[in-house]
Amino acid sequence: MTSETLWYANRATGAVCLVLFTVVVLLGVAVRLGGRIPGLPRFGTMSLHRTLSLAATAFLALHITTAIVDGYVDITVVDVLVPFVSAYQPLWLGLGTVALDLMLAVLVTSLLRERLGHRTWRAVHRLAYASWPVALIHGLGIGTDTGTDWTTWLTVACVTSVVAAFALRAAHAVRASRRTPAALLRTHEEARIRTAQGAR
């Protein structure tokens, strides 16, 4: 495989990773909100989230492999795993490494979910949300297609989708927090009435 082919493959897999991980984030928010995709049962959204997560991880592995194998730039396995040590574009490549390390933590804890417990798994799983913007900045900083029309529109579409999803989640959390005190008060009042009736 020529260096030019590897370069194109690296660019292509990077773009696919952006799209897939964006969809994974959106599905993660949908699962969290208890939503579902039309035509799928509720558990189908969770299943699709997991399936696309694996597909995104596979494309990420291809993206990393093409970067290492391509001899045009010197990127080693150490550079991929340890942030900011590469001689080539240390900042931008290092951000990609940070995003990868966060995703690896999510992947490993997901595989060990039964042993770790839900609370620990959930806390680490939130790192996936943190890895998305870091990976995005990595791509914008190191990508040779940055500034082209198609990359700009793709980036805008992905960022807009994720921002809208998190705005929806934040609005949902605010509504839930406003309902909770009222619900607790109602439950307390109902319990007081039952107690009073039982005492008669």
N, C-alpha and C. Protein backbone atom coordinates (compact mmCIF):
# COMPACT_ATOMS: atom_id res chain seq x y z
N MET A 1 0.85 -1.19 0.00
CA MET A 1 0.00 0.00 0.00
C MET A 1 0.89 1.25 0.00
N THR A 2 0.62 2.15 -0.92
CA THR A 2 1.45 3.33 -1.05
C THR A 2 1.14 4.34 0.05
N SER A 3 2.07 5.28 0.24
CA SER A 3 1.89 6.32 1.24
C SER A 3 0.67 7.18 0.91
N GLU A 4 0.46 7.41 -0.39
CA GLU A 4 -0.70 8.23 -0.79
C GLU A 4 -2.01 7.53 -0.44
N THR A 5 -2.06 6.21 -0.66
CA THR A 5 -3.26 5.44 -0.32
C THR A 5 -3.52 5.47 1.18
N LEU A 6 -2.45 5.32 1.97
CA LEU A 6 -2.59 5.37 3.42
C LEU A 6 -3.05 6.75 3.88
N TRP A 7 -2.56 7.79 3.20
CA TRP A 7 -2.96 9.15 3.55
C TRP A 7 -4.46 9.35 3.31
N TYR A 8 -4.94 8.89 2.15
CA TYR A 8 -6.37 8.99 1.85
C TYR A 8 -7.19 8.15 2.83
N ALA A 9 -6.69 6.97 3.15
CA ALA A 9 -7.40 6.09 4.08
C ALA A 9 -7.48 6.73 5.47
N ASN A 10 -6.40 7.39 5.88
CA ASN A 10 -6.39 8.05 7.18
C ASN A 10 -7.39 9.19 7.22
N ARG A 11 -7.44 9.98 6.16
CA ARG A 11 -8.39 11.09 6.08
C ARG A 11 -9.82 10.57 6.09
N ALA A 12 -10.07 9.52 5.30
CA ALA A 12 -11.43 8.97 5.19
C ALA A 12 -11.91 8.39 6.52
N THR A 13 -11.04 7.61 7.16
CA THR A 13 -11.44 6.99 8.44
C THR A 13 -11.61 8.06 9.53
N GLY A 14 -10.84 9.13 9.45
CA GLY A 14 -11.02 10.23 10.41
C GLY A 14 -12.39 10.86 10.28
N ALA A 15 -12.82 11.10 9.02
CA ALA A 15 -14.14 11.69 8.78
C ALA A 15 -15.25 10.74 9.22
N VAL A 16 -15.08 9.45 8.93
CA VAL A 16 -16.09 8.46 9.34
C VAL A 16 -16.17 8.38 10.86
N CYS A 17 -15.02 8.45 11.51
CA CYS A 17 -15.00 8.43 12.98
C CYS A 17 -15.78 9.62 13.56
N LEU A 18 -15.59 10.79 12.97
CA LEU A 18 -16.32 11.97 13.45
C LEU A 18 -17.82 11.75 13.35
N VAL A 19 -18.28 11.24 12.21
CA VAL A 19 -19.71 11.01 12.02
C VAL A 19 -20.23 9.94 12.98
N LEU A 20 -19.53 8.82 13.04
CA LEU A 20 -20.00 7.71 13.87
C LEU A 20 -20.00 8.07 15.35
N PHE A 21 -18.93 8.70 15.83
CA PHE A 21 -18.90 9.05 17.25
C PHE A 21 -19.91 10.15 17.58
N THR A 22 -20.22 11.00 16.61
CA THR A 22 -21.28 11.99 16.82
C THR A 22 -22.62 11.29 16.99
N VAL A 23 -22.91 10.33 16.13
CA VAL A 23 -24.17 9.57 16.24
C VAL A 23 -24.20 8.79 17.55
N VAL A 24 -23.06 8.24 17.96
CA VAL A 24 -23.00 7.51 19.23
C VAL A 24 -23.33 8.44 20.40
N VAL A 25 -22.79 9.65 20.38
CA VAL A 25 -23.10 10.62 21.44
C VAL A 25 -24.58 10.97 21.43
N LEU A 26 -25.14 11.19 20.25
CA LEU A 26 -26.56 11.52 20.14
C LEU A 26 -27.43 10.38 20.66
N LEU A 27 -27.07 9.15 20.32
CA LEU A 27 -27.83 7.99 20.81
C LEU A 27 -27.67 7.84 22.32
N GLY A 28 -26.47 8.16 22.82
CA GLY A 28 -26.25 8.10 24.27
C GLY A 28 -27.15 9.07 25.01
N VAL A 29 -27.30 10.26 24.46
CA VAL A 29 -28.21 11.24 25.07
C VAL A 29 -29.65 10.74 24.98
N ALA A 30 -30.01 10.16 23.83
CA ALA A 30 -31.37 9.64 23.65
C ALA A 30 -31.67 8.53 24.65
N VAL A 31 -30.71 7.64 24.86
CA VAL A 31 -30.88 6.56 25.84
C VAL A 31 -31.05 7.13 27.23
N ARG A 32 -30.25 8.12 27.55
CA ARG A 32 -30.31 8.76 28.87
C ARG A 32 -31.66 9.42 29.12
N LEU A 33 -32.24 9.98 28.06
CA LEU A 33 -33.54 10.65 28.18
C LEU A 33 -34.71 9.67 28.07
N GLY A 34 -34.39 8.41 27.82
CA GLY A 34 -35.45 7.41 27.70
C GLY A 34 -36.18 7.47 26.38
N GLY A 35 -35.54 8.09 25.39
CA GLY A 35 -36.17 8.20 24.08
C GLY A 35 -35.95 6.96 23.24
N ARG A 36 -36.62 6.93 22.11
CA ARG A 36 -36.43 5.80 21.19
C ARG A 36 -36.54 6.29 19.76
N ILE A 37 -35.98 5.52 18.85
CA ILE A 37 -36.01 5.84 17.43
C ILE A 37 -37.29 5.26 16.83
N PRO A 38 -38.02 6.04 16.03
CA PRO A 38 -39.24 5.52 15.42
C PRO A 38 -38.98 4.22 14.68
N GLY A 39 -39.83 3.24 14.92
CA GLY A 39 -39.68 1.94 14.28
C GLY A 39 -38.88 0.95 15.10
N LEU A 40 -38.26 1.42 16.17
CA LEU A 40 -37.48 0.54 17.05
C LEU A 40 -38.09 0.52 18.45
N PRO A 41 -38.05 -0.63 19.12
CA PRO A 41 -38.46 -0.63 20.53
C PRO A 41 -37.44 0.15 21.35
N ARG A 42 -37.79 0.46 22.58
CA ARG A 42 -36.91 1.29 23.40
C ARG A 42 -35.53 0.65 23.57
N PHE A 43 -35.49 -0.67 23.77
CA PHE A 43 -34.19 -1.32 23.92
C PHE A 43 -33.39 -1.29 22.62
N GLY A 44 -34.10 -1.05 21.47
CA GLY A 44 -33.42 -0.99 20.19
C GLY A 44 -32.47 0.20 20.10
N THR A 45 -32.84 1.30 20.75
CA THR A 45 -31.96 2.47 20.76
C THR A 45 -30.66 2.15 21.49
N MET A 46 -30.78 1.45 22.61
CA MET A 46 -29.59 1.04 23.37
C MET A 46 -28.73 0.08 22.54
N SER A 47 -29.39 -0.87 21.87
CA SER A 47 -28.65 -1.84 21.06
C SER A 47 -27.93 -1.15 19.90
N LEU A 48 -28.60 -0.19 19.26
CA LEU A 48 -27.98 0.55 18.17
C LEU A 48 -26.81 1.39 18.68
N HIS A 49 -26.96 1.96 19.86
CA HIS A 49 -25.89 2.73 20.49
C HIS A 49 -24.64 1.87 20.67
N ARG A 50 -24.83 0.66 21.17
CA ARG A 50 -23.70 -0.25 21.40
C ARG A 50 -23.07 -0.70 20.08
N THR A 51 -23.92 -1.04 19.11
CA THR A 51 -23.42 -1.51 17.82
C THR A 51 -22.60 -0.44 17.12
N LEU A 52 -23.13 0.79 17.10
CA LEU A 52 -22.40 1.87 16.44
C LEU A 52 -21.13 2.25 17.21
N SER A 53 -21.15 2.06 18.53
CA SER A 53 -19.94 2.30 19.32
C SER A 53 -18.83 1.35 18.89
N LEU A 54 -19.19 0.08 18.67
CA LEU A 54 -18.20 -0.90 18.22
C LEU A 54 -17.72 -0.56 16.81
N ALA A 55 -18.64 -0.15 15.93
CA ALA A 55 -18.26 0.21 14.57
C ALA A 55 -17.33 1.43 14.58
N ALA A 56 -17.65 2.42 15.41
CA ALA A 56 -16.81 3.62 15.51
C ALA A 56 -15.42 3.26 16.03
N THR A 57 -15.38 2.34 16.99
CA THR A 57 -14.10 1.90 17.55
C THR A 57 -13.27 1.19 16.49
N ALA A 58 -13.92 0.39 15.64
CA ALA A 58 -13.22 -0.31 14.57
C ALA A 58 -12.62 0.70 13.57
N PHE A 59 -13.39 1.72 13.21
CA PHE A 59 -12.87 2.74 12.30
C PHE A 59 -11.75 3.55 12.95
N LEU A 60 -11.87 3.77 14.26
CA LEU A 60 -10.81 4.47 14.99
C LEU A 60 -9.51 3.66 14.94
N ALA A 61 -9.64 2.33 15.11
CA ALA A 61 -8.46 1.46 15.03
C ALA A 61 -7.82 1.54 13.64
N LEU A 62 -8.65 1.58 12.60
CA LEU A 62 -8.12 1.73 11.23
C LEU A 62 -7.45 3.09 11.05
N HIS A 63 -8.07 4.12 11.60
CA HIS A 63 -7.52 5.47 11.51
C HIS A 63 -6.13 5.53 12.14
N ILE A 64 -6.01 4.93 13.31
CA ILE A 64 -4.72 4.93 14.03
C ILE A 64 -3.69 4.07 13.29
N THR A 65 -4.13 2.92 12.80
CA THR A 65 -3.22 2.00 12.11
C THR A 65 -2.63 2.65 10.86
N THR A 66 -3.48 3.31 10.07
CA THR A 66 -2.97 3.96 8.85
C THR A 66 -1.99 5.07 9.18
N ALA A 67 -2.22 5.75 10.31
CA ALA A 67 -1.29 6.82 10.72
C ALA A 67 0.07 6.25 11.10
N ILE A 68 0.07 5.09 11.77
CA ILE A 68 1.33 4.48 12.21
C ILE A 68 2.08 3.87 11.02
N VAL A 69 1.33 3.18 10.16
CA VAL A 69 1.96 2.47 9.03
C VAL A 69 2.51 3.44 7.99
N ASP A 70 1.82 4.57 7.80
CA ASP A 70 2.27 5.54 6.80
C ASP A 70 3.64 6.10 7.19
N GLY A 71 4.63 5.87 6.36
CA GLY A 71 5.99 6.31 6.66
C GLY A 71 6.25 7.77 6.36
N TYR A 72 5.24 8.46 5.80
CA TYR A 72 5.45 9.87 5.46
C TYR A 72 5.70 10.71 6.71
N VAL A 73 5.00 10.38 7.79
CA VAL A 73 5.25 11.03 9.08
C VAL A 73 5.61 9.96 10.10
N ASP A 74 6.38 10.34 11.11
CA ASP A 74 6.86 9.38 12.10
C ASP A 74 5.94 9.40 13.32
N ILE A 75 4.97 8.47 13.33
CA ILE A 75 4.06 8.31 14.46
C ILE A 75 4.21 6.87 14.97
N THR A 76 4.54 6.74 16.24
CA THR A 76 4.77 5.42 16.82
C THR A 76 3.60 5.02 17.72
N VAL A 77 3.63 3.77 18.17
CA VAL A 77 2.61 3.27 19.09
C VAL A 77 2.65 4.07 20.39
N VAL A 78 3.84 4.43 20.83
CA VAL A 78 3.98 5.24 22.05
C VAL A 78 3.30 6.59 21.87
N ASP A 79 3.48 7.20 20.70
CA ASP A 79 2.85 8.49 20.41
C ASP A 79 1.33 8.38 20.47
N VAL A 80 0.81 7.21 20.07
CA VAL A 80 -0.63 6.99 20.06
C VAL A 80 -1.19 6.85 21.46
N LEU A 81 -0.41 6.29 22.38
CA LEU A 81 -0.90 6.00 23.72
C LEU A 81 -0.51 7.03 24.78
N VAL A 82 0.61 7.72 24.55
CA VAL A 82 1.10 8.70 25.54
C VAL A 82 0.95 10.10 24.95
N PRO A 83 0.16 10.95 25.57
CA PRO A 83 -0.11 12.29 24.99
C PRO A 83 1.12 13.20 24.95
N PHE A 84 1.20 13.97 23.89
CA PHE A 84 2.13 15.10 23.75
C PHE A 84 3.62 14.72 23.75
N VAL A 85 3.94 13.48 23.36
CA VAL A 85 5.36 13.09 23.29
C VAL A 85 5.84 12.96 21.85
N SER A 86 4.94 13.06 20.90
CA SER A 86 5.31 12.87 19.50
C SER A 86 6.14 14.04 18.98
N ALA A 87 7.05 13.73 18.10
CA ALA A 87 7.84 14.78 17.44
C ALA A 87 7.02 15.45 16.34
N TYR A 88 5.99 14.74 15.86
CA TYR A 88 5.13 15.28 14.80
C TYR A 88 3.86 15.88 15.41
N GLN A 89 3.65 17.17 15.21
CA GLN A 89 2.44 17.86 15.67
C GLN A 89 2.07 17.44 17.10
N PRO A 90 2.96 17.67 18.09
CA PRO A 90 2.74 17.14 19.44
C PRO A 90 1.43 17.59 20.09
N LEU A 91 1.02 18.83 19.86
CA LEU A 91 -0.22 19.30 20.49
C LEU A 91 -1.44 18.62 19.88
N TRP A 92 -1.57 18.70 18.55
CA TRP A 92 -2.76 18.16 17.90
C TRP A 92 -2.81 16.65 17.98
N LEU A 93 -1.68 16.00 17.80
CA LEU A 93 -1.65 14.54 17.93
C LEU A 93 -1.89 14.14 19.38
N GLY A 94 -1.35 14.93 20.31
CA GLY A 94 -1.54 14.65 21.73
C GLY A 94 -3.00 14.72 22.14
N LEU A 95 -3.74 15.65 21.56
CA LEU A 95 -5.18 15.74 21.85
C LEU A 95 -5.90 14.49 21.35
N GLY A 96 -5.49 14.00 20.19
CA GLY A 96 -6.05 12.75 19.70
C GLY A 96 -5.75 11.59 20.64
N THR A 97 -4.55 11.59 21.18
CA THR A 97 -4.16 10.55 22.14
C THR A 97 -4.99 10.64 23.41
N VAL A 98 -5.23 11.85 23.89
CA VAL A 98 -6.08 12.03 25.08
C VAL A 98 -7.48 11.48 24.81
N ALA A 99 -8.03 11.81 23.64
CA ALA A 99 -9.36 11.31 23.29
C ALA A 99 -9.37 9.78 23.23
N LEU A 100 -8.31 9.20 22.66
CA LEU A 100 -8.21 7.74 22.58
C LEU A 100 -8.14 7.13 23.98
N ASP A 101 -7.32 7.70 24.84
CA ASP A 101 -7.17 7.16 26.19
C ASP A 101 -8.50 7.20 26.96
N LEU A 102 -9.25 8.29 26.77
CA LEU A 102 -10.56 8.38 27.41
C LEU A 102 -11.50 7.30 26.88
N MET A 103 -11.46 7.09 25.56
CA MET A 103 -12.31 6.06 24.95
C MET A 103 -11.91 4.66 25.39
N LEU A 104 -10.61 4.42 25.56
CA LEU A 104 -10.15 3.13 26.05
C LEU A 104 -10.65 2.86 27.46
N ALA A 105 -10.65 3.91 28.29
CA ALA A 105 -11.18 3.76 29.66
C ALA A 105 -12.66 3.39 29.63
N VAL A 106 -13.41 4.02 28.71
CA VAL A 106 -14.83 3.71 28.57
C VAL A 106 -15.01 2.28 28.08
N LEU A 107 -14.20 1.87 27.09
CA LEU A 107 -14.31 0.53 26.52
C LEU A 107 -14.00 -0.54 27.56
N VAL A 108 -12.90 -0.37 28.29
CA VAL A 108 -12.50 -1.37 29.28
C VAL A 108 -13.53 -1.49 30.39
N THR A 109 -14.02 -0.36 30.90
CA THR A 109 -15.00 -0.41 31.98
C THR A 109 -16.34 -0.96 31.50
N SER A 110 -16.66 -0.77 30.21
CA SER A 110 -17.89 -1.35 29.67
C SER A 110 -17.78 -2.87 29.62
N LEU A 111 -16.60 -3.37 29.27
CA LEU A 111 -16.39 -4.82 29.25
C LEU A 111 -16.42 -5.41 30.66
N LEU A 112 -16.05 -4.61 31.65
CA LEU A 112 -16.03 -5.07 33.05
C LEU A 112 -17.20 -4.53 33.86
N ARG A 113 -18.24 -4.13 33.16
CA ARG A 113 -19.37 -3.45 33.81
C ARG A 113 -19.99 -4.27 34.95
N GLU A 114 -20.15 -5.56 34.74
CA GLU A 114 -20.77 -6.41 35.76
C GLU A 114 -19.95 -6.45 37.04
N ARG A 115 -18.63 -6.39 36.90
CA ARG A 115 -17.76 -6.46 38.08
C ARG A 115 -17.61 -5.11 38.76
N LEU A 116 -17.66 -4.04 37.99
CA LEU A 116 -17.44 -2.71 38.55
C LEU A 116 -18.67 -2.15 39.25
N GLY A 117 -19.83 -2.52 38.78
CA GLY A 117 -21.05 -1.94 39.32
C GLY A 117 -21.51 -0.77 38.47
N HIS A 118 -22.80 -0.49 38.53
CA HIS A 118 -23.39 0.52 37.65
C HIS A 118 -22.86 1.92 37.94
N ARG A 119 -22.70 2.27 39.21
CA ARG A 119 -22.29 3.63 39.56
C ARG A 119 -20.90 3.96 39.03
N THR A 120 -19.95 3.02 39.23
CA THR A 120 -18.59 3.24 38.74
C THR A 120 -18.56 3.28 37.22
N TRP A 121 -19.28 2.33 36.60
CA TRP A 121 -19.31 2.29 35.14
C TRP A 121 -19.89 3.59 34.58
N ARG A 122 -20.96 4.06 35.18
CA ARG A 122 -21.61 5.28 34.68
C ARG A 122 -20.68 6.50 34.80
N ALA A 123 -19.95 6.58 35.92
CA ALA A 123 -19.03 7.71 36.12
C ALA A 123 -17.95 7.72 35.05
N VAL A 124 -17.38 6.55 34.75
CA VAL A 124 -16.33 6.47 33.73
C VAL A 124 -16.92 6.65 32.33
N HIS A 125 -18.14 6.14 32.13
CA HIS A 125 -18.77 6.22 30.82
C HIS A 125 -18.97 7.66 30.37
N ARG A 126 -19.10 8.56 31.31
CA ARG A 126 -19.26 9.98 30.96
C ARG A 126 -18.02 10.55 30.29
N LEU A 127 -16.90 9.85 30.41
CA LEU A 127 -15.68 10.30 29.73
C LEU A 127 -15.85 10.30 28.22
N ALA A 128 -16.79 9.47 27.73
CA ALA A 128 -17.04 9.43 26.29
C ALA A 128 -17.51 10.80 25.80
N TYR A 129 -18.30 11.48 26.62
CA TYR A 129 -18.75 12.82 26.25
C TYR A 129 -17.57 13.80 26.22
N ALA A 130 -16.63 13.63 27.13
CA ALA A 130 -15.46 14.51 27.17
C ALA A 130 -14.53 14.25 25.99
N SER A 131 -14.46 12.99 25.56
CA SER A 131 -13.53 12.65 24.48
C SER A 131 -13.99 13.21 23.14
N TRP A 132 -15.29 13.42 22.96
CA TRP A 132 -15.80 13.87 21.66
C TRP A 132 -15.24 15.25 21.27
N PRO A 133 -15.37 16.29 22.11
CA PRO A 133 -14.81 17.59 21.70
C PRO A 133 -13.29 17.58 21.57
N VAL A 134 -12.62 16.78 22.41
CA VAL A 134 -11.16 16.70 22.32
C VAL A 134 -10.76 16.09 20.97
N ALA A 135 -11.46 15.03 20.57
CA ALA A 135 -11.18 14.41 19.27
C ALA A 135 -11.50 15.36 18.12
N LEU A 136 -12.57 16.13 18.28
CA LEU A 136 -12.94 17.10 17.25
C LEU A 136 -11.83 18.15 17.06
N ILE A 137 -11.33 18.68 18.17
CA ILE A 137 -10.25 19.68 18.09
C ILE A 137 -8.99 19.05 17.48
N HIS A 138 -8.71 17.80 17.85
CA HIS A 138 -7.58 17.07 17.25
C HIS A 138 -7.71 17.05 15.73
N GLY A 139 -8.90 16.69 15.24
CA GLY A 139 -9.11 16.60 13.81
C GLY A 139 -8.98 17.94 13.11
N LEU A 140 -9.51 18.99 13.74
CA LEU A 140 -9.43 20.32 13.14
C LEU A 140 -7.99 20.82 13.11
N GLY A 141 -7.22 20.47 14.14
CA GLY A 141 -5.85 20.96 14.23
C GLY A 141 -4.87 20.23 13.32
N ILE A 142 -5.07 18.92 13.18
CA ILE A 142 -4.08 18.12 12.45
C ILE A 142 -4.56 17.74 11.05
N GLY A 143 -5.86 17.85 10.80
CA GLY A 143 -6.42 17.40 9.53
C GLY A 143 -5.99 18.26 8.35
N THR A 144 -5.62 17.61 7.27
CA THR A 144 -5.20 18.34 6.07
C THR A 144 -6.39 18.87 5.29
N ASP A 145 -7.59 18.42 5.64
CA ASP A 145 -8.80 18.89 4.95
C ASP A 145 -9.47 20.04 5.68
N THR A 146 -8.92 20.44 6.81
CA THR A 146 -9.52 21.53 7.57
C THR A 146 -9.59 22.80 6.72
N GLY A 147 -10.78 23.40 6.70
CA GLY A 147 -10.97 24.60 5.91
C GLY A 147 -11.65 24.36 4.58
N THR A 148 -11.68 23.10 4.12
CA THR A 148 -12.40 22.80 2.89
C THR A 148 -13.90 22.86 3.15
N ASP A 149 -14.67 23.06 2.09
CA ASP A 149 -16.11 23.21 2.26
C ASP A 149 -16.76 21.99 2.92
N TRP A 150 -16.40 20.80 2.42
CA TRP A 150 -17.07 19.61 2.94
C TRP A 150 -16.73 19.36 4.41
N THR A 151 -15.49 19.63 4.80
CA THR A 151 -15.10 19.46 6.20
C THR A 151 -15.80 20.49 7.09
N THR A 152 -15.89 21.71 6.60
CA THR A 152 -16.56 22.76 7.37
C THR A 152 -18.01 22.41 7.62
N TRP A 153 -18.73 22.01 6.56
CA TRP A 153 -20.14 21.67 6.72
C TRP A 153 -20.34 20.43 7.58
N LEU A 154 -19.46 19.45 7.42
CA LEU A 154 -19.56 18.25 8.25
C LEU A 154 -19.34 18.59 9.71
N THR A 155 -18.34 19.41 9.99
CA THR A 155 -18.05 19.81 11.37
C THR A 155 -19.20 20.61 11.96
N VAL A 156 -19.73 21.56 11.19
CA VAL A 156 -20.86 22.37 11.67
C VAL A 156 -22.07 21.49 11.97
N ALA A 157 -22.35 20.53 11.09
CA ALA A 157 -23.49 19.64 11.30
C ALA A 157 -23.32 18.81 12.57
N CYS A 158 -22.12 18.28 12.77
CA CYS A 158 -21.86 17.45 13.95
C CYS A 158 -21.93 18.27 15.23
N VAL A 159 -21.29 19.43 15.23
CA VAL A 159 -21.29 20.28 16.42
C VAL A 159 -22.70 20.76 16.75
N THR A 160 -23.44 21.18 15.74
CA THR A 160 -24.82 21.65 15.96
C THR A 160 -25.68 20.54 16.55
N SER A 161 -25.54 19.33 16.03
CA SER A 161 -26.33 18.19 16.52
C SER A 161 -26.02 17.90 17.98
N VAL A 162 -24.74 17.88 18.32
CA VAL A 162 -24.35 17.55 19.70
C VAL A 162 -24.76 18.66 20.66
N VAL A 163 -24.57 19.91 20.26
CA VAL A 163 -24.97 21.03 21.12
C VAL A 163 -26.48 21.00 21.36
N ALA A 164 -27.26 20.74 20.30
CA ALA A 164 -28.72 20.66 20.43
C ALA A 164 -29.12 19.52 21.36
N ALA A 165 -28.44 18.37 21.24
CA ALA A 165 -28.75 17.22 22.09
C ALA A 165 -28.48 17.52 23.56
N PHE A 166 -27.35 18.19 23.83
CA PHE A 166 -27.02 18.51 25.21
C PHE A 166 -27.92 19.62 25.76
N ALA A 167 -28.35 20.53 24.89
CA ALA A 167 -29.31 21.56 25.32
C ALA A 167 -30.63 20.91 25.70
N LEU A 168 -31.04 19.92 24.92
CA LEU A 168 -32.27 19.18 25.23
C LEU A 168 -32.13 18.42 26.54
N ARG A 169 -30.97 17.81 26.72
CA ARG A 169 -30.75 17.07 27.97
C ARG A 169 -30.73 18.02 29.17
N ALA A 170 -30.11 19.19 29.02
CA ALA A 170 -30.08 20.16 30.11
C ALA A 170 -31.48 20.65 30.44
N ALA A 171 -32.28 20.92 29.40
CA ALA A 171 -33.66 21.37 29.62
C ALA A 171 -34.47 20.29 30.33
N HIS A 172 -34.24 19.05 29.95
CA HIS A 172 -34.92 17.93 30.59
C HIS A 172 -34.53 17.83 32.06
N ALA A 173 -33.25 18.03 32.36
CA ALA A 173 -32.77 17.97 33.75
C ALA A 173 -33.38 19.08 34.59
N VAL A 174 -33.51 20.29 33.99
CA VAL A 174 -34.10 21.42 34.71
C VAL A 174 -35.57 21.14 35.02
N ARG A 175 -36.29 20.60 34.02
CA ARG A 175 -37.71 20.27 34.25
C ARG A 175 -37.86 19.22 35.32
N ALA A 176 -36.96 18.22 35.29
CA ALA A 176 -37.02 17.16 36.29
C ALA A 176 -36.74 17.69 37.69
N SER A 177 -35.79 18.62 37.81
CA SER A 177 -35.47 19.18 39.13
C SER A 177 -36.61 20.03 39.67
N ARG A 178 -37.37 20.67 38.77
CA ARG A 178 -38.50 21.47 39.21
C ARG A 178 -39.66 20.60 39.64
N ARG A 179 -39.80 19.44 38.98
CA ARG A 179 -40.89 18.53 39.32
C ARG A 179 -40.63 17.79 40.62
N THR A 180 -39.37 17.53 40.90
CA THR A 180 -39.03 16.69 42.05
C THR A 180 -39.52 17.25 43.38
N PRO A 181 -39.27 18.52 43.73
CA PRO A 181 -39.76 19.04 45.01
C PRO A 181 -41.28 18.95 45.12
N ALA A 182 -41.97 19.25 44.02
CA ALA A 182 -43.42 19.18 44.05
C ALA A 182 -43.89 17.74 44.25
N ALA A 183 -43.22 16.82 43.59
CA ALA A 183 -43.59 15.40 43.74
C ALA A 183 -43.33 14.92 45.16
N LEU A 184 -42.19 15.34 45.74
CA LEU A 184 -41.88 14.94 47.11
C LEU A 184 -42.90 15.52 48.09
N LEU A 185 -43.29 16.77 47.89
CA LEU A 185 -44.27 17.41 48.74
C LEU A 185 -45.62 16.70 48.65
N ARG A 186 -46.00 16.32 47.42
CA ARG A 186 -47.26 15.62 47.22
C ARG A 186 -47.24 14.26 47.90
N THR A 187 -46.12 13.56 47.76
CA THR A 187 -45.99 12.24 48.41
C THR A 187 -46.04 12.38 49.92
N HIS A 188 -45.36 13.39 50.44
CA HIS A 188 -45.35 13.63 51.88
C HIS A 188 -46.76 13.95 52.39
N GLU A 189 -47.49 14.76 51.63
CA GLU A 189 -48.84 15.14 52.00
C GLU A 189 -49.77 13.93 51.98
N GLU A 190 -49.61 13.09 50.95
CA GLU A 190 -50.43 11.87 50.87
C GLU A 190 -50.14 10.94 52.03
N ALA A 191 -48.87 10.83 52.40
CA ALA A 191 -48.50 9.97 53.54
C ALA A 191 -49.08 10.53 54.84
N ARG A 192 -49.07 11.85 54.99
CA ARG A 192 -49.62 12.48 56.20
C ARG A 192 -51.11 12.24 56.32
N ILE A 193 -51.81 12.31 55.17
CA ILE A 193 -53.26 12.08 55.18
C ILE A 193 -53.57 10.64 55.53
N ARG A 194 -52.80 9.70 54.94
CA ARG A 194 -53.03 8.29 55.26
C ARG A 194 -52.79 8.00 56.73
N THR A 195 -51.75 8.63 57.29
CA THR A 195 -51.43 8.45 58.70
C THR A 195 -52.57 8.99 59.58
N ALA A 196 -53.05 10.17 59.19
CA ALA A 196 -54.15 10.78 59.95
C ALA A 196 -55.41 9.94 59.88
N GLN A 197 -55.69 9.38 58.69
CA GLN A 197 -56.88 8.53 58.55
C GLN A 197 -56.74 7.25 59.33
N GLY A 198 -55.52 6.72 59.37
CA GLY A 198 -55.30 5.50 60.12
C GLY A 198 -55.40 5.68 61.60
N ALA A 199 -55.14 6.91 62.07
CA ALA A 199 -55.19 7.19 63.50
C ALA A 199 -56.62 7.37 63.99
N ARG A 200 -57.57 7.57 63.08
CA ARG A 200 -58.97 7.80 63.49
C ARG A 200 -59.62 6.49 63.91
